[in-house]
Amino acid sequence: MANRVAFIGLGMMGYPMAGHLAKRFETIVWNRTATKAQEHARQYGSQAVQNLQETAQAEFIFTCLPTSVEVEEVVRQVLPALKAGTVWIDCTSGDPNHSRRIAQSLREVGCDFLDAPVSGGRAGAEAGTLTVMVGGSEETFRRALPIIEAFAGKVFHVGDVGAGHAVKAINNMLLAVHLLATAEGLVALAKQGVDPAIALEVINVSSGRSFASEVHFPERVLTRAFPNTFSLALLAKDTRIAVSIAREVYVPTPLMQLAAEMFEMAKRQIGGDVDHTAVVKLIEGWAGTEIAPRTKEG
């Protein structure tokens, strides 16, 4: 069992994930905005550090950053201070090729790497019930499993280094496709005079249902709330990774490529900082129709 863990990146997901770790282990936290780390220390009893290299005191180091580019830069800065035997666990929704490069650089100083992206959103992070898909050696996975379980409901070892990020990218691509397809279908029905709210009720007890139709559309689209829990820009990034994964192994993916292009268009037209479900506004704009329940009169 670890004596000490470190967590780098206290964003929407990382903050509560590190909080669960701090309840079980001595936990060091670092964030680009130092006040966020200090706030975490006050709330959870973790130890906030300002020097990134101080995280190298830990036996297990977690990262949860926007992209693999930031992870590589952080690893580069911490690398000189790392002790042999340290396990680096990257929970970023990252790129498998970056992960393999990172793993190689860590092996050269006697350290191990796991790519361990998560699914379950902010609610899952806060509840400690995230699904974690892990890539890396079986031995390292077994060593890290009791630590990862602090914030997880389900943990899967899906293959060698890079496999976790590959599964995450394809999962998020499927989410992207479901969002786009459901939006197109509901816009078409709305223009036919069908109430989208009633159409969703039918779809969600029929074969066309998905997580997007069951959760995202009722809670975010029909309400027009679009709460920003995961940005459109980040999902667009994941769709690009998914397409690149398929391209590397010469798998034709016309649907995935189209979805990635549509998310890129949405990012440019409606902005990348909005919630990922706001991609439906792209289709609504093209059709001149909103996906919203009809108001009842009288």
C-alpha atoms as a PDB file:
ATOM      1  CA  MET A   1       0.000   0.000   0.000  1.00  0.00           C
ATOM      2  CA  ALA A   2       1.268   3.457  -0.838  1.00  0.00           C
ATOM      3  CA  ASN A   3       2.523   5.765   1.861  1.00  0.00           C
ATOM      4  CA  ARG A   4       2.105   8.837  -0.302  1.00  0.00           C
ATOM      5  CA  VAL A   5       0.397   9.800  -3.557  1.00  0.00           C
ATOM      6  CA  ALA A   6       0.480  13.002  -5.617  1.00  0.00           C
ATOM      7  CA  PHE A   7      -2.155  14.539  -7.864  1.00  0.00           C
ATOM      8  CA  ILE A   8      -1.344  17.069 -10.587  1.00  0.00           C
ATOM      9  CA  GLY A   9      -4.265  18.968 -12.114  1.00  0.00           C
ATOM     10  CA  LEU A  10      -7.203  19.979  -9.925  1.00  0.00           C
ATOM     11  CA  GLY A  11      -9.807  20.718 -12.564  1.00  0.00           C
ATOM     12  CA  MET A  12     -13.451  19.741 -12.621  1.00  0.00           C
ATOM     13  CA  MET A  13     -12.590  16.030 -12.434  1.00  0.00           C
ATOM     14  CA  GLY A  14      -9.209  16.094 -10.715  1.00  0.00           C
ATOM     15  CA  TYR A  15     -10.311  18.119  -7.700  1.00  0.00           C
ATOM     16  CA  PRO A  16     -12.813  15.550  -6.348  1.00  0.00           C
ATOM     17  CA  MET A  17     -10.675  12.589  -7.485  1.00  0.00           C
ATOM     18  CA  ALA A  18      -7.761  13.916  -5.440  1.00  0.00           C
ATOM     19  CA  GLY A  19     -10.184  14.473  -2.586  1.00  0.00           C
ATOM     20  CA  HIS A  20     -11.057  10.775  -2.482  1.00  0.00           C
ATOM     21  CA  LEU A  21      -7.360   9.885  -2.503  1.00  0.00           C
ATOM     22  CA  ALA A  22      -6.711  12.273   0.381  1.00  0.00           C
ATOM     23  CA  LYS A  23      -9.306  10.470   2.491  1.00  0.00           C
ATOM     24  CA  ARG A  24      -7.240   7.271   2.309  1.00  0.00           C
ATOM     25  CA  PHE A  25      -3.632   8.289   1.682  1.00  0.00           C
ATOM     26  CA  GLU A  26      -1.177  11.064   2.416  1.00  0.00           C
ATOM     27  CA  THR A  27      -1.737  13.164  -0.709  1.00  0.00           C
ATOM     28  CA  ILE A  28       0.330  15.945  -2.301  1.00  0.00           C
ATOM     29  CA  VAL A  29      -1.518  18.233  -4.721  1.00  0.00           C
ATOM     30  CA  TRP A  30      -0.238  20.650  -7.346  1.00  0.00           C
ATOM     31  CA  ASN A  31      -2.197  22.899  -9.670  1.00  0.00           C
ATOM     32  CA  ARG A  32      -1.108  25.542 -12.144  1.00  0.00           C
ATOM     33  CA  THR A  33      -3.238  27.998 -10.159  1.00  0.00           C
ATOM     34  CA  ALA A  34      -1.720  27.576  -6.698  1.00  0.00           C
ATOM     35  CA  THR A  35      -4.774  28.884  -4.848  1.00  0.00           C
ATOM     36  CA  LYS A  36      -6.745  25.864  -6.112  1.00  0.00           C
ATOM     37  CA  ALA A  37      -4.255  23.513  -4.473  1.00  0.00           C
ATOM     38  CA  GLN A  38      -4.374  25.521  -1.261  1.00  0.00           C
ATOM     39  CA  GLU A  39      -8.169  25.359  -1.295  1.00  0.00           C
ATOM     40  CA  HIS A  40      -7.973  21.589  -1.762  1.00  0.00           C
ATOM     41  CA  ALA A  41      -5.604  21.289   1.192  1.00  0.00           C
ATOM     42  CA  ARG A  42      -8.034  23.183   3.404  1.00  0.00           C
ATOM     43  CA  GLN A  43     -11.012  21.115   2.267  1.00  0.00           C
ATOM     44  CA  TYR A  44      -9.488  17.627   2.215  1.00  0.00           C
ATOM     45  CA  GLY A  45      -6.345  17.798   4.312  1.00  0.00           C
ATOM     46  CA  SER A  46      -4.027  17.239   1.361  1.00  0.00           C
ATOM     47  CA  GLN A  47      -0.601  18.912   1.151  1.00  0.00           C
ATOM     48  CA  ALA A  48      -0.410  21.729  -1.417  1.00  0.00           C
ATOM     49  CA  VAL A  49       2.985  22.301  -3.035  1.00  0.00           C
ATOM     50  CA  GLN A  50       4.078  25.122  -5.342  1.00  0.00           C
ATOM     51  CA  ASN A  51       7.169  23.448  -6.791  1.00  0.00           C
ATOM     52  CA  LEU A  52       6.041  20.808  -9.287  1.00  0.00           C
ATOM     53  CA  GLN A  53       9.108  18.660  -8.574  1.00  0.00           C
ATOM     54  CA  GLU A  54       7.936  18.184  -4.979  1.00  0.00           C
ATOM     55  CA  THR A  55       5.320  15.763  -6.309  1.00  0.00           C
ATOM     56  CA  ALA A  56       8.213  13.353  -6.944  1.00  0.00           C
ATOM     57  CA  GLN A  57       8.147  12.537  -3.203  1.00  0.00           C
ATOM     58  CA  ALA A  58       5.153  10.287  -3.909  1.00  0.00           C
ATOM     59  CA  GLU A  59       5.162   6.609  -4.860  1.00  0.00           C
ATOM     60  CA  PHE A  60       2.176   7.126  -7.149  1.00  0.00           C
ATOM     61  CA  ILE A  61       1.746  10.306  -9.209  1.00  0.00           C
ATOM     62  CA  PHE A  62      -1.569  11.066 -10.911  1.00  0.00           C
ATOM     63  CA  THR A  63      -2.122  13.561 -13.715  1.00  0.00           C
ATOM     64  CA  CYS A  64      -5.497  14.805 -14.917  1.00  0.00           C
ATOM     65  CA  LEU A  65      -4.864  17.525 -17.499  1.00  0.00           C
ATOM     66  CA  PRO A  66      -6.593  18.820 -20.659  1.00  0.00           C
ATOM     67  CA  THR A  67      -4.415  16.961 -23.196  1.00  0.00           C
ATOM     68  CA  SER A  68      -1.367  14.710 -23.464  1.00  0.00           C
ATOM     69  CA  VAL A  69       0.722  17.714 -24.519  1.00  0.00           C
ATOM     70  CA  GLU A  70       0.432  19.156 -21.004  1.00  0.00           C
ATOM     71  CA  VAL A  71       1.140  15.739 -19.475  1.00  0.00           C
ATOM     72  CA  GLU A  72       4.366  15.357 -21.462  1.00  0.00           C
ATOM     73  CA  GLU A  73       5.513  18.800 -20.337  1.00  0.00           C
ATOM     74  CA  VAL A  74       4.779  18.016 -16.681  1.00  0.00           C
ATOM     75  CA  VAL A  75       6.603  14.682 -16.924  1.00  0.00           C
ATOM     76  CA  ARG A  76       9.590  16.447 -18.484  1.00  0.00           C
ATOM     77  CA  GLN A  77       9.749  18.854 -15.543  1.00  0.00           C
ATOM     78  CA  VAL A  78       9.349  16.213 -12.824  1.00  0.00           C
ATOM     79  CA  LEU A  79      11.543  13.528 -14.442  1.00  0.00           C
ATOM     80  CA  PRO A  80      14.894  14.651 -12.919  1.00  0.00           C
ATOM     81  CA  ALA A  81      13.465  14.349  -9.403  1.00  0.00           C
ATOM     82  CA  LEU A  82      11.725  10.980  -9.754  1.00  0.00           C
ATOM     83  CA  LYS A  83      12.731   7.967  -7.657  1.00  0.00           C
ATOM     84  CA  ALA A  84      13.041   4.553  -9.309  1.00  0.00           C
ATOM     85  CA  GLY A  85       9.902   2.498  -8.750  1.00  0.00           C
ATOM     86  CA  THR A  86       7.493   5.432  -8.953  1.00  0.00           C
ATOM     87  CA  VAL A  87       4.258   4.741 -10.845  1.00  0.00           C
ATOM     88  CA  TRP A  88       2.853   7.550 -12.976  1.00  0.00           C
ATOM     89  CA  ILE A  89      -0.904   7.221 -13.594  1.00  0.00           C
ATOM     90  CA  ASP A  90      -2.349   9.502 -16.249  1.00  0.00           C
ATOM     91  CA  CYS A  91      -6.115  10.042 -16.001  1.00  0.00           C
ATOM     92  CA  THR A  92      -6.165  12.549 -18.861  1.00  0.00           C
ATOM     93  CA  SER A  93      -8.289  11.707 -21.915  1.00  0.00           C
ATOM     94  CA  GLY A  94      -5.094  11.470 -23.868  1.00  0.00           C
ATOM     95  CA  ASP A  95      -3.413  10.218 -27.010  1.00  0.00           C
ATOM     96  CA  PRO A  96      -2.037   6.639 -27.046  1.00  0.00           C
ATOM     97  CA  ASN A  97       1.105   7.637 -28.963  1.00  0.00           C
ATOM     98  CA  HIS A  98       1.941  10.340 -26.428  1.00  0.00           C
ATOM     99  CA  SER A  99       1.380   7.783 -23.669  1.00  0.00           C
ATOM    100  CA  ARG A 100       3.869   5.369 -25.221  1.00  0.00           C
ATOM    101  CA  ARG A 101       6.500   8.116 -25.468  1.00  0.00           C
ATOM    102  CA  ILE A 102       5.897   9.102 -21.850  1.00  0.00           C
ATOM    103  CA  ALA A 103       6.132   5.476 -20.732  1.00  0.00           C
ATOM    104  CA  GLN A 104       9.469   5.086 -22.511  1.00  0.00           C
ATOM    105  CA  SER A 105      10.934   8.204 -20.900  1.00  0.00           C
ATOM    106  CA  LEU A 106       9.818   6.954 -17.472  1.00  0.00           C
ATOM    107  CA  ARG A 107      11.242   3.460 -18.057  1.00  0.00           C
ATOM    108  CA  GLU A 108      14.637   5.044 -18.687  1.00  0.00           C
ATOM    109  CA  VAL A 109      14.702   6.265 -15.062  1.00  0.00           C
ATOM    110  CA  GLY A 110      13.227   3.065 -13.598  1.00  0.00           C
ATOM    111  CA  CYS A 111       9.603   4.219 -13.307  1.00  0.00           C
ATOM    112  CA  ASP A 112       6.347   2.757 -14.619  1.00  0.00           C
ATOM    113  CA  PHE A 113       3.410   4.319 -16.423  1.00  0.00           C
ATOM    114  CA  LEU A 114      -0.310   3.589 -16.655  1.00  0.00           C
ATOM    115  CA  ASP A 115      -2.766   5.452 -18.847  1.00  0.00           C
ATOM    116  CA  ALA A 116      -5.993   5.439 -16.848  1.00  0.00           C
ATOM    117  CA  PRO A 117      -8.640   7.765 -18.307  1.00  0.00           C
ATOM    118  CA  VAL A 118     -11.993   7.882 -16.570  1.00  0.00           C
ATOM    119  CA  SER A 119     -15.666   7.975 -17.490  1.00  0.00           C
ATOM    120  CA  GLY A 120     -18.584   9.098 -15.379  1.00  0.00           C
ATOM    121  CA  GLY A 121     -18.390  12.874 -15.469  1.00  0.00           C
ATOM    122  CA  ARG A 122     -18.242  15.275 -12.571  1.00  0.00           C
ATOM    123  CA  ALA A 123     -21.009  13.425 -10.724  1.00  0.00           C
ATOM    124  CA  GLY A 124     -19.009  10.194 -10.855  1.00  0.00           C
ATOM    125  CA  ALA A 125     -15.846  11.983  -9.745  1.00  0.00           C
ATOM    126  CA  GLU A 126     -17.626  13.521  -6.770  1.00  0.00           C
ATOM    127  CA  ALA A 127     -19.265  10.234  -5.797  1.00  0.00           C
ATOM    128  CA  GLY A 128     -16.084   8.200  -6.265  1.00  0.00           C
ATOM    129  CA  THR A 129     -17.813   5.886  -8.749  1.00  0.00           C
ATOM    130  CA  LEU A 130     -15.840   6.545 -11.934  1.00  0.00           C
ATOM    131  CA  THR A 131     -15.189   3.861 -14.527  1.00  0.00           C
ATOM    132  CA  VAL A 132     -11.441   3.631 -15.160  1.00  0.00           C
ATOM    133  CA  MET A 133      -9.899   1.979 -18.235  1.00  0.00           C
ATOM    134  CA  VAL A 134      -6.224   1.216 -17.659  1.00  0.00           C
ATOM    135  CA  GLY A 135      -3.389   0.520 -20.080  1.00  0.00           C
ATOM    136  CA  GLY A 136      -0.040  -0.831 -18.898  1.00  0.00           C
ATOM    137  CA  SER A 137       1.630  -3.968 -17.610  1.00  0.00           C
ATOM    138  CA  GLU A 138      -0.389  -6.414 -15.529  1.00  0.00           C
ATOM    139  CA  GLU A 139       2.134  -6.147 -12.683  1.00  0.00           C
ATOM    140  CA  THR A 140       1.943  -2.344 -12.524  1.00  0.00           C
ATOM    141  CA  PHE A 141      -1.841  -2.438 -12.811  1.00  0.00           C
ATOM    142  CA  ARG A 142      -2.121  -4.794  -9.828  1.00  0.00           C
ATOM    143  CA  ARG A 143       0.210  -2.616  -7.806  1.00  0.00           C
ATOM    144  CA  ALA A 144      -1.794   0.538  -8.541  1.00  0.00           C
ATOM    145  CA  LEU A 145      -5.293  -0.967  -8.328  1.00  0.00           C
ATOM    146  CA  PRO A 146      -5.862  -0.338  -4.581  1.00  0.00           C
ATOM    147  CA  ILE A 147      -4.935   3.324  -5.130  1.00  0.00           C
ATOM    148  CA  ILE A 148      -7.136   3.829  -8.201  1.00  0.00           C
ATOM    149  CA  GLU A 149     -10.066   2.222  -6.390  1.00  0.00           C
ATOM    150  CA  ALA A 150     -10.194   5.242  -4.061  1.00  0.00           C
ATOM    151  CA  PHE A 151     -12.147   7.177  -6.718  1.00  0.00           C
ATOM    152  CA  ALA A 152     -13.495   4.345  -8.866  1.00  0.00           C
ATOM    153  CA  GLY A 153     -16.601   2.218  -9.064  1.00  0.00           C
ATOM    154  CA  LYS A 154     -15.248  -0.058 -11.803  1.00  0.00           C
ATOM    155  CA  VAL A 155     -11.665  -0.518 -12.978  1.00  0.00           C
ATOM    156  CA  PHE A 156     -10.727  -2.408 -16.154  1.00  0.00           C
ATOM    157  CA  HIS A 157      -7.260  -3.454 -17.332  1.00  0.00           C
ATOM    158  CA  VAL A 158      -7.727  -3.114 -21.104  1.00  0.00           C
ATOM    159  CA  GLY A 159      -4.234  -3.821 -22.446  1.00  0.00           C
ATOM    160  CA  ASP A 160      -0.716  -2.439 -22.749  1.00  0.00           C
ATOM    161  CA  VAL A 161       0.288   1.221 -22.480  1.00  0.00           C
ATOM    162  CA  GLY A 162      -1.946   3.315 -24.733  1.00  0.00           C
ATOM    163  CA  ALA A 163      -4.900   0.929 -24.605  1.00  0.00           C
ATOM    164  CA  GLY A 164      -6.673   2.921 -21.899  1.00  0.00           C
ATOM    165  CA  HIS A 165      -6.516   6.112 -23.913  1.00  0.00           C
ATOM    166  CA  ALA A 166      -7.571   4.257 -27.054  1.00  0.00           C
ATOM    167  CA  VAL A 167     -10.685   2.822 -25.387  1.00  0.00           C
ATOM    168  CA  LYS A 168     -11.535   6.225 -23.924  1.00  0.00           C
ATOM    169  CA  ALA A 169     -11.217   7.940 -27.313  1.00  0.00           C
ATOM    170  CA  ILE A 170     -13.463   5.412 -29.037  1.00  0.00           C
ATOM    171  CA  ASN A 171     -15.989   5.616 -26.193  1.00  0.00           C
ATOM    172  CA  ASN A 172     -16.102   9.383 -26.525  1.00  0.00           C
ATOM    173  CA  MET A 173     -16.393   9.110 -30.296  1.00  0.00           C
ATOM    174  CA  LEU A 174     -19.481   6.941 -29.827  1.00  0.00           C
ATOM    175  CA  LEU A 175     -20.895   9.615 -27.526  1.00  0.00           C
ATOM    176  CA  ALA A 176     -20.223  12.203 -30.234  1.00  0.00           C
ATOM    177  CA  VAL A 177     -21.960  10.115 -32.886  1.00  0.00           C
ATOM    178  CA  HIS A 178     -24.947   9.488 -30.605  1.00  0.00           C
ATOM    179  CA  LEU A 179     -25.287  13.204 -29.868  1.00  0.00           C
ATOM    180  CA  LEU A 180     -25.212  14.127 -33.541  1.00  0.00           C
ATOM    181  CA  ALA A 181     -27.536  11.335 -34.692  1.00  0.00           C
ATOM    182  CA  THR A 182     -30.083  12.005 -31.940  1.00  0.00           C
ATOM    183  CA  ALA A 183     -30.025  15.715 -32.703  1.00  0.00           C
ATOM    184  CA  GLU A 184     -30.629  15.113 -36.409  1.00  0.00           C
ATOM    185  CA  GLY A 185     -33.486  12.742 -35.677  1.00  0.00           C
ATOM    186  CA  LEU A 186     -35.208  15.010 -33.187  1.00  0.00           C
ATOM    187  CA  VAL A 187     -34.851  18.081 -35.397  1.00  0.00           C
ATOM    188  CA  ALA A 188     -36.430  16.134 -38.263  1.00  0.00           C
ATOM    189  CA  LEU A 189     -39.294  15.044 -36.014  1.00  0.00           C
ATOM    190  CA  ALA A 190     -39.801  18.575 -34.703  1.00  0.00           C
ATOM    191  CA  LYS A 191     -40.121  19.852 -38.266  1.00  0.00           C
ATOM    192  CA  GLN A 192     -42.716  17.129 -38.851  1.00  0.00           C
ATOM    193  CA  GLY A 193     -44.752  18.558 -35.994  1.00  0.00           C
ATOM    194  CA  VAL A 194     -43.789  15.962 -33.375  1.00  0.00           C
ATOM    195  CA  ASP A 195     -43.055  17.187 -29.837  1.00  0.00           C
ATOM    196  CA  PRO A 196     -39.352  16.293 -29.205  1.00  0.00           C
ATOM    197  CA  ALA A 197     -40.090  15.545 -25.543  1.00  0.00           C
ATOM    198  CA  ILE A 198     -42.671  12.918 -26.468  1.00  0.00           C
ATOM    199  CA  ALA A 199     -40.426  11.546 -29.212  1.00  0.00           C
ATOM    200  CA  LEU A 200     -37.650  11.091 -26.656  1.00  0.00           C
ATOM    201  CA  GLU A 201     -39.976   9.170 -24.349  1.00  0.00           C
ATOM    202  CA  VAL A 202     -40.679   6.756 -27.191  1.00  0.00           C
ATOM    203  CA  ILE A 203     -37.047   6.453 -28.256  1.00  0.00           C
ATOM    204  CA  ASN A 204     -35.895   5.817 -24.695  1.00  0.00           C
ATOM    205  CA  VAL A 205     -38.037   2.712 -24.369  1.00  0.00           C
ATOM    206  CA  SER A 206     -37.167   1.575 -27.895  1.00  0.00           C
ATOM    207  CA  SER A 207     -34.128   0.363 -29.803  1.00  0.00           C
ATOM    208  CA  GLY A 208     -32.825   3.818 -30.734  1.00  0.00           C
ATOM    209  CA  ARG A 209     -31.997   4.823 -27.183  1.00  0.00           C
ATOM    210  CA  SER A 210     -28.502   5.710 -25.983  1.00  0.00           C
ATOM    211  CA  PHE A 211     -26.931   7.427 -22.995  1.00  0.00           C
ATOM    212  CA  ALA A 212     -27.223  10.652 -24.961  1.00  0.00           C
ATOM    213  CA  SER A 213     -30.966  10.227 -25.510  1.00  0.00           C
ATOM    214  CA  GLU A 214     -31.648   8.959 -21.993  1.00  0.00           C
ATOM    215  CA  VAL A 215     -29.584  11.484 -20.038  1.00  0.00           C
ATOM    216  CA  HIS A 216     -28.122  14.331 -22.070  1.00  0.00           C
ATOM    217  CA  PHE A 217     -31.130  15.305 -24.139  1.00  0.00           C
ATOM    218  CA  PRO A 218     -33.729  15.323 -21.318  1.00  0.00           C
ATOM    219  CA  GLU A 219     -31.425  17.045 -18.822  1.00  0.00           C
ATOM    220  CA  ARG A 220     -29.471  19.443 -21.025  1.00  0.00           C
ATOM    221  CA  VAL A 221     -31.040  19.895 -24.453  1.00  0.00           C
ATOM    222  CA  LEU A 222     -34.788  19.944 -23.795  1.00  0.00           C
ATOM    223  CA  THR A 223     -34.205  22.221 -20.807  1.00  0.00           C
ATOM    224  CA  ARG A 224     -31.821  24.397 -22.895  1.00  0.00           C
ATOM    225  CA  ALA A 225     -29.566  24.370 -19.809  1.00  0.00           C
ATOM    226  CA  PHE A 226     -26.371  23.004 -21.417  1.00  0.00           C
ATOM    227  CA  PRO A 227     -24.450  23.024 -18.085  1.00  0.00           C
ATOM    228  CA  ASN A 228     -20.756  23.139 -18.845  1.00  0.00           C
ATOM    229  CA  THR A 229     -19.412  19.912 -17.359  1.00  0.00           C
ATOM    230  CA  PHE A 230     -17.200  18.813 -20.279  1.00  0.00           C
ATOM    231  CA  SER A 231     -16.306  21.224 -23.028  1.00  0.00           C
ATOM    232  CA  LEU A 232     -17.125  20.843 -26.691  1.00  0.00           C
ATOM    233  CA  ALA A 233     -13.463  21.516 -27.499  1.00  0.00           C
ATOM    234  CA  LEU A 234     -12.321  18.567 -25.381  1.00  0.00           C
ATOM    235  CA  LEU A 235     -14.798  16.193 -27.019  1.00  0.00           C
ATOM    236  CA  ALA A 236     -13.680  17.484 -30.420  1.00  0.00           C
ATOM    237  CA  LYS A 237     -10.109  16.631 -29.381  1.00  0.00           C
ATOM    238  CA  ASP A 238     -11.187  13.109 -28.415  1.00  0.00           C
ATOM    239  CA  THR A 239     -12.893  12.567 -31.763  1.00  0.00           C
ATOM    240  CA  ARG A 240      -9.666  13.542 -33.545  1.00  0.00           C
ATOM    241  CA  ILE A 241      -7.747  11.020 -31.437  1.00  0.00           C
ATOM    242  CA  ALA A 242     -10.292   8.303 -32.255  1.00  0.00           C
ATOM    243  CA  VAL A 243      -9.953   8.953 -35.989  1.00  0.00           C
ATOM    244  CA  SER A 244      -6.149   8.887 -35.770  1.00  0.00           C
ATOM    245  CA  ILE A 245      -6.248   5.564 -33.889  1.00  0.00           C
ATOM    246  CA  ALA A 246      -8.330   4.002 -36.652  1.00  0.00           C
ATOM    247  CA  ARG A 247      -6.196   5.521 -39.399  1.00  0.00           C
ATOM    248  CA  GLU A 248      -3.000   4.064 -37.924  1.00  0.00           C
ATOM    249  CA  VAL A 249      -4.389   0.543 -38.318  1.00  0.00           C
ATOM    250  CA  TYR A 250      -6.002   1.236 -41.706  1.00  0.00           C
ATOM    251  CA  VAL A 251      -9.599   0.866 -40.543  1.00  0.00           C
ATOM    252  CA  PRO A 252     -12.070   2.812 -42.712  1.00  0.00           C
ATOM    253  CA  THR A 253     -14.196   5.037 -40.468  1.00  0.00           C
ATOM    254  CA  PRO A 254     -16.434   7.307 -42.569  1.00  0.00           C
ATOM    255  CA  LEU A 255     -18.909   7.916 -39.723  1.00  0.00           C
ATOM    256  CA  MET A 256     -16.174   8.728 -37.224  1.00  0.00           C
ATOM    257  CA  GLN A 257     -14.419  11.081 -39.617  1.00  0.00           C
ATOM    258  CA  LEU A 258     -17.657  12.915 -40.371  1.00  0.00           C
ATOM    259  CA  ALA A 259     -18.431  13.234 -36.667  1.00  0.00           C
ATOM    260  CA  ALA A 260     -14.959  14.644 -35.997  1.00  0.00           C
ATOM    261  CA  GLU A 261     -15.391  17.189 -38.778  1.00  0.00           C
ATOM    262  CA  MET A 262     -18.820  18.217 -37.473  1.00  0.00           C
ATOM    263  CA  PHE A 263     -17.440  18.750 -33.980  1.00  0.00           C
ATOM    264  CA  GLU A 264     -14.678  20.879 -35.453  1.00  0.00           C
ATOM    265  CA  MET A 265     -17.302  22.929 -37.312  1.00  0.00           C
ATOM    266  CA  ALA A 266     -19.343  23.291 -34.124  1.00  0.00           C
ATOM    267  CA  LYS A 267     -16.277  24.395 -32.193  1.00  0.00           C
ATOM    268  CA  ARG A 268     -15.627  27.126 -34.755  1.00  0.00           C
ATOM    269  CA  GLN A 269     -19.244  28.249 -35.129  1.00  0.00           C
ATOM    270  CA  ILE A 270     -20.595  28.099 -31.562  1.00  0.00           C
ATOM    271  CA  GLY A 271     -17.365  28.009 -29.552  1.00  0.00           C
ATOM    272  CA  GLY A 272     -15.278  25.374 -27.821  1.00  0.00           C
ATOM    273  CA  ASP A 273     -15.836  26.502 -24.247  1.00  0.00           C
ATOM    274  CA  VAL A 274     -19.528  25.539 -24.183  1.00  0.00           C
ATOM    275  CA  ASP A 275     -20.771  22.150 -22.975  1.00  0.00           C
ATOM    276  CA  HIS A 276     -20.241  19.299 -25.440  1.00  0.00           C
ATOM    277  CA  THR A 277     -24.004  18.769 -25.747  1.00  0.00           C
ATOM    278  CA  ALA A 278     -24.281  22.240 -27.289  1.00  0.00           C
ATOM    279  CA  VAL A 279     -23.117  20.607 -30.532  1.00  0.00           C
ATOM    280  CA  VAL A 280     -26.851  20.116 -31.220  1.00  0.00           C
ATOM    281  CA  LYS A 281     -27.058  23.858 -31.869  1.00  0.00           C
ATOM    282  CA  LEU A 282     -25.060  23.310 -35.046  1.00  0.00           C
ATOM    283  CA  ILE A 283     -27.780  21.045 -36.436  1.00  0.00           C
ATOM    284  CA  GLU A 284     -30.557  23.239 -35.063  1.00  0.00           C
ATOM    285  CA  GLY A 285     -29.016  26.219 -36.803  1.00  0.00           C
ATOM    286  CA  TRP A 286     -28.832  24.431 -40.124  1.00  0.00           C
ATOM    287  CA  ALA A 287     -32.474  23.351 -39.824  1.00  0.00           C
ATOM    288  CA  GLY A 288     -33.808  26.553 -38.257  1.00  0.00           C
ATOM    289  CA  THR A 289     -35.510  24.501 -35.518  1.00  0.00           C
ATOM    290  CA  GLU A 290     -34.802  24.055 -31.801  1.00  0.00           C
ATOM    291  CA  ILE A 291     -35.129  20.768 -29.961  1.00  0.00           C
ATOM    292  CA  ALA A 292     -37.438  21.963 -27.202  1.00  0.00           C
ATOM    293  CA  PRO A 293     -40.727  20.645 -25.790  1.00  0.00           C
ATOM    294  CA  ARG A 294     -43.851  22.359 -26.959  1.00  0.00           C
ATOM    295  CA  THR A 295     -45.468  24.731 -24.539  1.00  0.00           C
ATOM    296  CA  LYS A 296     -49.023  23.899 -23.571  1.00  0.00           C
ATOM    297  CA  GLU A 297     -51.587  26.652 -23.844  1.00  0.00           C
ATOM    298  CA  GLY A 298     -54.482  27.360 -21.519  1.00  0.00           C
END
